[in-house]
């Protein structure tokens, strides 16, 4: 499993317990700190963080 895939899996596991307010999801600082310590490209970081996007209905 690639490192990107492992971070996406980790993000998906966090989703059910993350607080949400006005459509925004609060990402834990520990996750972001760990993510930024990796040598990911901007595209890879965006791919990982896209897991936290909530689907927009009627938008």
Protein backbone atom coordinates (compact mmCIF):
# COMPACT_ATOMS: atom_id res chain seq x y z
CA UNK A 1 0.00 0.00 0.00
CA UNK A 2 1.39 3.40 -0.95
CA UNK A 3 1.88 6.08 1.65
CA UNK A 4 -0.83 8.19 -0.03
CA UNK A 5 -3.27 5.29 0.20
CA UNK A 6 -2.42 4.71 3.86
CA UNK A 7 -3.07 8.38 4.69
CA UNK A 8 -6.38 8.28 2.80
CA UNK A 9 -7.38 5.19 4.77
CA UNK A 10 -6.37 6.88 8.02
CA UNK A 11 -8.46 9.94 7.05
CA UNK A 12 -11.50 7.76 6.25
CA UNK A 13 -11.23 6.10 9.64
CA UNK A 14 -11.24 9.53 11.34
CA UNK A 15 -14.33 10.82 9.52
CA UNK A 16 -17.08 9.35 11.73
CA UNK A 17 -15.67 10.94 14.88
CA UNK A 18 -14.77 14.39 13.53
CA UNK A 19 -16.86 17.42 14.47
CA UNK A 20 -18.55 19.33 11.67
CA UNK A 21 -19.86 22.89 11.76
CA UNK A 22 -21.59 24.80 8.96
CA UNK A 23 -20.43 22.16 6.47
CA UNK A 24 -16.78 22.37 7.52
CA UNK A 25 -14.95 19.38 8.97
CA UNK A 26 -12.36 19.96 11.68
CA UNK A 27 -9.23 17.95 10.85
CA UNK A 28 -7.13 16.95 13.87
CA UNK A 29 -3.82 18.80 14.23
CA UNK A 30 -1.99 15.50 14.78
CA UNK A 31 -3.13 14.26 11.37
CA UNK A 32 -2.06 17.49 9.66
CA UNK A 33 1.30 17.53 11.48
CA UNK A 34 2.02 13.96 10.40
CA UNK A 35 0.89 14.69 6.84
CA UNK A 36 3.15 17.72 6.47
CA UNK A 37 6.18 15.78 7.72
CA UNK A 38 5.85 13.46 4.71
CA UNK A 39 7.39 14.20 1.32
CA UNK A 40 4.12 14.50 -0.62
CA UNK A 41 3.55 16.66 -3.67
CA UNK A 42 0.81 19.29 -3.57
CA UNK A 43 -1.39 17.05 -5.73
CA UNK A 44 -0.93 14.14 -3.33
CA UNK A 45 -1.78 16.32 -0.31
CA UNK A 46 -4.90 17.57 -2.10
CA UNK A 47 -5.88 13.98 -2.90
CA UNK A 48 -5.53 12.99 0.75
CA UNK A 49 -7.38 16.03 2.09
CA UNK A 50 -10.21 15.51 -0.42
CA UNK A 51 -11.35 12.64 1.82
CA UNK A 52 -12.53 15.29 4.30
CA UNK A 53 -14.73 17.13 1.78
CA UNK A 54 -18.42 16.66 2.41
CA UNK A 55 -20.55 16.05 -0.65
CA UNK A 56 -22.58 19.09 -1.66
CA UNK A 57 -26.24 18.38 -2.29
CA UNK A 58 -28.19 20.66 -4.61
CA UNK A 59 -25.10 22.81 -5.04
